[in-house]
Amino acid sequence: MAFDRDTSEVKNWMNMFRWIVKLIRDDYGVTEEKLTRTAHLETDIGLTLEQTEEVLEIVSSSFQIKFPAGSLDELMKFEELCLLASWLNGLYKQPDFLADSFVAKARALNPRAQ
């Protein structure tokens, strides 16, 4: 699985959302109908835990961001994954669903997350 992906078109959180949709659609065969903002990561999308972790690895590598340990514990919906990735990349404000302790870890690892 190639982690070297074009990110040049990702300039805001909606572009990030589309980028991640295409990643999951193309690499894991998940239909776009399942990849809605409100889709629950564990039940609605159909990826295994290992596949979801791979998605985080690909996003991390592609955007040079670091997801703190326990990131999947903070996320329930697909939109939250996209917002978190956007914030870590400096494309979006800090999401309000994150625990304060998680925010501190994320900022320490990602200078663009402010």
Protein backbone atom coordinates (compact mmCIF):
# COMPACT_ATOMS: atom_id res chain seq x y z
CA MET A 1 0.00 0.00 0.00
CA ALA A 2 1.61 3.26 -1.12
CA PHE A 3 1.76 6.05 1.42
CA ASP A 4 3.03 8.57 -1.12
CA ARG A 5 -0.10 10.41 -2.23
CA ASP A 6 -0.77 13.79 -3.78
CA THR A 7 -2.04 16.25 -1.18
CA SER A 8 -1.58 19.44 -3.20
CA GLU A 9 -5.33 20.01 -3.59
CA VAL A 10 -6.02 19.77 0.16
CA LYS A 11 -6.38 23.38 1.28
CA ASN A 12 -9.25 23.18 3.81
CA TRP A 13 -11.15 20.65 5.89
CA MET A 14 -13.63 19.85 3.12
CA ASN A 15 -10.76 18.99 0.76
CA MET A 16 -9.35 16.78 3.54
CA PHE A 17 -12.75 15.09 3.89
CA ARG A 18 -12.84 14.34 0.14
CA TRP A 19 -9.21 13.17 0.17
CA ILE A 20 -9.94 10.67 2.96
CA VAL A 21 -13.17 9.53 1.25
CA LYS A 22 -11.21 8.78 -1.93
CA LEU A 23 -8.52 6.96 0.05
CA ILE A 24 -11.02 4.66 1.76
CA ARG A 25 -13.07 4.21 -1.41
CA ASP A 26 -10.09 3.38 -3.61
CA ASP A 27 -7.94 1.36 -1.19
CA TYR A 28 -10.61 -0.47 0.79
CA GLY A 29 -13.53 -0.66 -1.64
CA VAL A 30 -15.97 1.15 0.64
CA THR A 31 -18.75 2.86 -1.30
CA GLU A 32 -19.06 6.61 -0.96
CA GLU A 33 -22.63 6.19 0.27
CA LYS A 34 -21.21 4.75 3.50
CA LEU A 35 -18.67 7.56 3.92
CA THR A 36 -20.97 10.26 5.24
CA ARG A 37 -20.11 12.80 7.90
CA THR A 38 -22.25 11.06 10.49
CA ALA A 39 -21.08 7.51 9.72
CA HIS A 40 -19.78 5.76 12.83
CA LEU A 41 -16.24 4.53 12.31
CA GLU A 42 -16.75 1.20 14.05
CA THR A 43 -20.16 0.21 12.73
CA ASP A 44 -21.20 2.09 9.59
CA ILE A 45 -18.11 2.15 7.37
CA GLY A 46 -17.13 -1.51 7.59
CA LEU A 47 -13.39 -1.20 8.13
CA THR A 48 -11.64 -3.41 10.66
CA LEU A 49 -9.68 -1.79 13.48
CA GLU A 50 -6.47 -2.66 11.63
CA GLN A 51 -7.73 -1.02 8.45
CA THR A 52 -8.77 2.12 10.34
CA GLU A 53 -5.30 2.26 11.88
CA GLU A 54 -3.82 1.91 8.36
CA VAL A 55 -5.95 4.86 7.23
CA LEU A 56 -4.49 6.93 10.09
CA GLU A 57 -0.99 5.85 9.08
CA ILE A 58 -1.55 6.85 5.46
CA VAL A 59 -3.02 10.23 6.45
CA SER A 60 -0.18 10.78 8.90
CA SER A 61 2.49 9.95 6.33
CA SER A 62 0.85 11.90 3.52
CA PHE A 63 0.38 15.11 5.50
CA GLN A 64 3.38 14.82 7.85
CA ILE A 65 1.15 14.90 10.92
CA LYS A 66 1.21 12.70 14.00
CA PHE A 67 -1.89 11.21 15.55
CA PRO A 68 -1.33 10.85 19.31
CA ALA A 69 -1.74 7.48 20.96
CA GLY A 70 -5.41 6.90 21.67
CA SER A 71 -6.65 8.90 18.69
CA LEU A 72 -9.28 6.32 17.80
CA ASP A 73 -10.62 6.55 21.37
CA GLU A 74 -11.44 10.22 20.67
CA LEU A 75 -13.28 9.54 17.42
CA MET A 76 -16.73 8.14 16.84
CA LYS A 77 -17.81 9.57 13.49
CA PHE A 78 -16.11 9.79 10.12
CA GLU A 79 -16.40 13.58 10.17
CA GLU A 80 -14.46 13.67 13.46
CA LEU A 81 -11.57 11.81 11.85
CA CYS A 82 -11.51 14.35 9.02
CA LEU A 83 -11.73 17.33 11.39
CA LEU A 84 -8.95 15.95 13.58
CA ALA A 85 -6.67 15.41 10.58
CA SER A 86 -7.48 18.90 9.31
CA TRP A 87 -6.71 20.48 12.69
CA LEU A 88 -3.42 18.59 13.06
CA ASN A 89 -2.49 19.84 9.59
CA GLY A 90 -3.36 23.45 10.42
CA LEU A 91 -6.41 23.61 8.14
CA TYR A 92 -9.15 23.84 10.76
CA LYS A 93 -9.82 25.12 14.26
CA GLN A 94 -9.47 22.80 17.22
CA PRO A 95 -12.46 20.43 17.22
CA ASP A 96 -14.58 20.77 20.34
CA PHE A 97 -15.13 17.04 20.83
CA LEU A 98 -11.53 16.37 21.91
CA ALA A 99 -10.55 15.91 25.56
CA ASP A 100 -8.19 18.55 26.96
CA SER A 101 -5.50 15.97 27.73
CA PHE A 102 -5.66 14.72 24.14
CA VAL A 103 -5.43 18.29 22.79
CA ALA A 104 -2.24 18.87 24.78
CA LYS A 105 -0.66 15.69 23.38
CA ALA A 106 -1.75 16.53 19.84
CA ARG A 107 -0.34 20.06 19.99
CA ALA A 108 2.96 18.80 21.37
CA LEU A 109 3.31 16.48 18.35
CA ASN A 110 1.93 18.85 15.69
CA PRO A 111 3.12 22.48 15.68
CA ARG A 112 0.52 23.40 13.03
CA ALA A 113 -2.34 22.42 15.38
CA GLN A 114 -2.99 25.74 17.09
